[in-house]
Each structure stands twice: as structure tokens, then as C-alpha cells.
């Protein structure tokens, strides 16, 4: 069977030493859940009762472990929330980008941060959230 994008996602998460994700099963992430079962549950899925709770848990995971917190979202609309501002309230580094031209600098700031970081990118969907020189 050919590897899917979701399979590659989990390979990349394991390469980045991420072994736990927080999420809520739904139509939008069924491919991710299928890949998770093929990945022998590495990373481990902590299933919650609501997507927003998964996001809060991923933030708390980052704050208290110093590791990256991961929360895959489904295709539902998630209410607008000031993630970068909230990150600062819980002692994480919060960076919000409204202008696509600033995404490269924002990534540099995030990677140089002295603590876990939340990068909130509000950009045009046609503009990738990675600087052109970076590839996953």
C-alpha cells in the first residue's frame, strides 16, 4: 500500500520526537486516524470530548513538558481565538503574523525562542505558512 500524506505526517512527528497528540475524531481527520493505526499508535492519541479542549491540552502539554504540543483539527470551523495572546498568558512565547511577508521572520523568532512557542499565522490560503527556503 502506498504511503499517504497522513503516514508521512506521523513519520515526521516521530522524527521530531513527538509521541503524543491531542484530538477529537471526526470526518476531517479520518485519514489521520487511519495512519495512526498503521503507525502502531506512535504518536499516542489522547482523545478528548471537544476540539477546543484538545487545543488547550496541547498548549498545556507544551507548557509543562517543554515539548511540542500537537492538535490536529477537523474541517469544522474553529472559533477565532487569540492563540498568540493566550500563549503569552500561560508563559509561552506567542507570535501572531497578519502579513504574509512577515512569516519568515516569525519562524526565525519562533525557532530562536527561549521557551515553547505558539505561532499564529493569519495569512492568505494561497500563501504557504513556511518561508520558501524551508521544506518539510
Protein backbone atom coordinates (compact mmCIF):
# COMPACT_ATOMS: atom_id res chain seq x y z
CA UNK A 1 0.00 0.00 0.00
CA UNK A 2 1.32 3.44 -0.89
CA UNK A 3 2.06 5.84 1.92
CA UNK A 4 -0.41 8.66 2.36
CA UNK A 5 0.22 12.24 3.41
CA UNK A 6 -1.02 11.27 6.87
CA UNK A 7 1.56 8.45 7.03
CA UNK A 8 4.27 10.96 6.17
CA UNK A 9 2.92 13.30 8.86
CA UNK A 10 3.47 10.65 11.54
CA UNK A 11 6.92 9.80 10.21
CA UNK A 12 7.80 13.49 10.53
CA UNK A 13 6.30 13.75 14.04
CA UNK A 14 8.33 10.73 15.20
CA UNK A 15 11.47 12.21 13.61
CA UNK A 16 10.82 15.36 15.67
CA UNK A 17 10.44 13.19 18.82
CA UNK A 18 6.73 13.90 19.18
CA UNK A 19 5.00 10.88 20.66
CA UNK A 20 1.68 12.33 21.86
CA UNK A 21 -1.10 14.24 20.09
CA UNK A 22 -4.44 15.51 21.36
CA UNK A 23 -7.53 15.31 19.20
CA UNK A 24 -11.18 14.57 18.62
CA UNK A 25 -12.11 12.04 15.93
CA UNK A 26 -14.20 13.44 13.11
CA UNK A 27 -14.68 13.29 9.37
CA UNK A 28 -11.91 15.79 8.71
CA UNK A 29 -9.18 13.68 10.34
CA UNK A 30 -10.26 10.13 9.41
CA UNK A 31 -7.20 9.77 7.15
CA UNK A 32 -5.01 10.80 10.07
CA UNK A 33 -6.68 8.25 12.35
CA UNK A 34 -6.17 5.54 9.73
CA UNK A 35 -2.49 6.38 9.50
CA UNK A 36 -2.29 6.40 13.30
CA UNK A 37 -3.48 2.78 13.43
CA UNK A 38 -0.86 1.84 10.81
CA UNK A 39 1.79 3.63 12.90
CA UNK A 40 1.19 1.33 15.90
CA UNK A 41 -0.15 4.31 17.89
CA UNK A 42 3.12 6.23 17.81
CA UNK A 43 2.33 9.01 18.40
CA UNK A 44 -0.28 8.20 21.03
CA UNK A 45 -3.66 9.87 20.53
CA UNK A 46 -5.19 11.39 23.64
CA UNK A 47 -8.86 11.53 22.68
CA UNK A 48 -10.88 14.38 24.13
CA UNK A 49 -14.54 15.35 24.03
CA UNK A 50 -14.15 18.53 22.00
CA UNK A 51 -11.61 20.02 19.57
CA UNK A 52 -11.13 23.17 21.61
CA UNK A 53 -10.23 21.03 24.64
CA UNK A 54 -7.63 19.25 22.50
CA UNK A 55 -6.06 22.59 21.61
CA UNK A 56 -5.92 23.65 25.26
CA UNK A 57 -4.42 20.30 26.23
CA UNK A 58 -1.75 20.59 23.52
CA UNK A 59 -0.85 24.05 24.85
CA UNK A 60 -0.68 22.73 28.41
CA UNK A 61 1.45 19.80 27.25
CA UNK A 62 3.91 22.24 25.70
CA UNK A 63 3.98 24.45 28.77
CA UNK A 64 4.50 21.71 31.34
CA UNK A 65 6.78 19.34 29.41
CA UNK A 66 8.76 21.75 27.23
CA UNK A 67 7.87 19.51 24.28
CA UNK A 68 5.81 20.42 21.23
CA UNK A 69 2.04 20.14 21.72
CA UNK A 70 0.14 18.83 18.69
CA UNK A 71 -3.57 19.03 17.93
CA UNK A 72 -4.90 18.00 14.51
CA UNK A 73 -8.17 19.79 13.74
CA UNK A 74 -11.09 18.59 11.67
CA UNK A 75 -12.76 20.51 8.88
CA UNK A 76 -15.15 22.22 11.28
CA UNK A 77 -14.91 25.93 11.80
CA UNK A 78 -12.99 26.63 14.97
CA UNK A 79 -13.97 29.89 16.65
CA UNK A 80 -11.50 32.74 16.25
CA UNK A 81 -9.27 32.71 19.30
CA UNK A 82 -6.23 34.89 20.05
CA UNK A 83 -3.83 31.94 20.29
CA UNK A 84 -0.63 34.01 20.45
CA UNK A 85 -2.05 36.28 23.14
CA UNK A 86 -3.28 33.27 25.15
CA UNK A 87 0.16 31.66 24.82
CA UNK A 88 1.74 34.69 26.48
CA UNK A 89 -0.77 34.45 29.35
CA UNK A 90 0.37 30.90 30.12
CA UNK A 91 4.07 31.80 29.84
CA UNK A 92 4.68 30.53 26.31
CA UNK A 93 6.13 32.65 23.54
CA UNK A 94 3.28 33.91 21.35
CA UNK A 95 3.82 35.23 17.84
CA UNK A 96 0.97 36.44 15.61
CA UNK A 97 1.54 37.15 11.94
CA UNK A 98 -1.04 39.09 9.93
CA UNK A 99 1.15 39.92 6.93
CA UNK A 100 2.43 37.04 4.75
CA UNK A 101 5.68 38.95 4.17
CA UNK A 102 6.49 38.56 7.88
CA UNK A 103 6.20 34.75 8.07
CA UNK A 104 9.93 34.14 7.55
CA UNK A 105 10.89 36.46 10.40
CA UNK A 106 8.18 34.94 12.59
CA UNK A 107 9.57 31.43 12.01
CA UNK A 108 13.06 32.65 12.89
CA UNK A 109 11.73 34.20 16.11
CA UNK A 110 9.81 31.02 16.95
CA UNK A 111 12.81 28.76 16.38
CA UNK A 112 15.04 31.06 18.46
CA UNK A 113 12.55 31.33 21.34
CA UNK A 114 13.76 30.55 24.83
CA UNK A 115 10.55 28.66 25.67
CA UNK A 116 7.81 26.73 23.82
CA UNK A 117 6.19 28.89 21.18
CA UNK A 118 2.78 29.28 19.53
CA UNK A 119 3.00 30.70 16.01
CA UNK A 120 -0.38 32.03 14.90
CA UNK A 121 -0.35 32.78 11.18
CA UNK A 122 -3.29 34.70 9.72
CA UNK A 123 -2.50 34.59 6.03
CA UNK A 124 -3.96 34.18 2.59
CA UNK A 125 -4.68 30.46 1.99
CA UNK A 126 -2.74 30.73 -1.27
CA UNK A 127 0.44 31.69 0.63
CA UNK A 128 2.20 28.76 2.34
CA UNK A 129 2.99 29.27 6.05
CA UNK A 130 6.63 28.30 5.56
CA UNK A 131 9.34 30.55 4.16
CA UNK A 132 10.33 29.43 0.63
CA UNK A 133 13.72 28.08 1.73
CA UNK A 134 12.23 25.64 4.28
CA UNK A 135 10.79 22.27 3.29
CA UNK A 136 9.22 19.60 5.46
